[in-house]
């Protein structure tokens, strides 16, 4: 995980805009007294993904093909 992205995710949690799920190894470098970390031991986790883009954007052929993967 890129450190720039990790800092962004941490800021989301610090500003109470949501919770963040990150790799356990990345959680070790969090330097915040305002956040609590919890190890998720569940081995059968799954997630749902979403794609967000501006309605007025002209998507490339590759982007359109990528979105079709989720339909």
Protein backbone atom coordinates (compact mmCIF):
# COMPACT_ATOMS: atom_id res chain seq x y z
CA UNK A 1 0.00 0.00 0.00
CA UNK A 2 1.34 3.40 -1.01
CA UNK A 3 2.10 5.60 2.05
CA UNK A 4 0.35 8.56 0.37
CA UNK A 5 -2.86 6.57 0.13
CA UNK A 6 -2.48 5.26 3.66
CA UNK A 7 -2.24 8.82 5.00
CA UNK A 8 -5.37 9.72 3.05
CA UNK A 9 -7.27 6.77 4.50
CA UNK A 10 -6.10 7.63 8.01
CA UNK A 11 -7.32 11.21 7.53
CA UNK A 12 -10.76 9.89 6.57
CA UNK A 13 -10.97 7.99 9.85
CA UNK A 14 -9.55 10.90 11.89
CA UNK A 15 -12.16 13.27 10.45
CA UNK A 16 -14.90 10.74 11.33
CA UNK A 17 -15.92 10.40 7.69
CA UNK A 18 -15.83 6.62 7.81
CA UNK A 19 -13.88 3.59 8.83
CA UNK A 20 -10.90 2.21 6.96
CA UNK A 21 -9.87 -1.39 6.35
CA UNK A 22 -6.14 -1.67 5.68
CA UNK A 23 -3.59 -4.47 5.78
CA UNK A 24 -2.40 -5.41 9.27
CA UNK A 25 1.17 -4.52 8.30
CA UNK A 26 0.07 -0.98 7.38
CA UNK A 27 -1.76 -0.53 10.69
CA UNK A 28 1.55 -0.81 12.52
CA UNK A 29 2.74 2.55 11.18
CA UNK A 30 -0.30 4.60 12.21
CA UNK A 31 0.85 7.39 14.51
CA UNK A 32 -2.42 8.70 15.90
CA UNK A 33 -3.72 8.80 19.45
CA UNK A 34 -7.22 9.47 18.10
CA UNK A 35 -7.64 6.17 16.28
CA UNK A 36 -8.24 2.64 17.46
CA UNK A 37 -7.16 -0.38 15.47
CA UNK A 38 -8.83 -3.77 15.58
CA UNK A 39 -7.64 -6.95 13.92
CA UNK A 40 -10.34 -8.63 11.85
CA UNK A 41 -9.97 -12.37 12.37
CA UNK A 42 -12.83 -13.37 10.07
CA UNK A 43 -11.43 -15.48 7.24
CA UNK A 44 -14.56 -15.41 5.08
CA UNK A 45 -14.63 -11.70 4.32
CA UNK A 46 -15.92 -10.37 1.04
CA UNK A 47 -16.47 -6.89 -0.27
CA UNK A 48 -18.55 -5.11 -2.84
CA UNK A 49 -16.88 -2.64 -5.13
CA UNK A 50 -18.27 0.41 -6.81
CA UNK A 51 -17.11 2.55 -9.68
CA UNK A 52 -17.74 6.28 -9.52
CA UNK A 53 -17.33 8.67 -12.41
CA UNK A 54 -18.80 11.95 -13.54
CA UNK A 55 -21.88 11.55 -15.74
CA UNK A 56 -20.59 14.12 -18.21
CA UNK A 57 -17.23 12.37 -18.62
CA UNK A 58 -16.42 10.74 -21.95
CA UNK A 59 -15.00 7.42 -20.84
CA UNK A 60 -12.26 5.70 -22.78
CA UNK A 61 -12.95 2.35 -24.42
CA UNK A 62 -10.82 0.69 -21.72
CA UNK A 63 -12.82 2.36 -18.93
CA UNK A 64 -16.10 1.28 -20.52
CA UNK A 65 -14.83 -2.29 -20.81
CA UNK A 66 -13.75 -2.23 -17.16
CA UNK A 67 -17.19 -1.05 -16.02
CA UNK A 68 -18.87 -3.79 -18.09
CA UNK A 69 -17.04 -6.34 -15.94
CA UNK A 70 -19.34 -5.38 -13.07
CA UNK A 71 -22.65 -5.56 -14.93
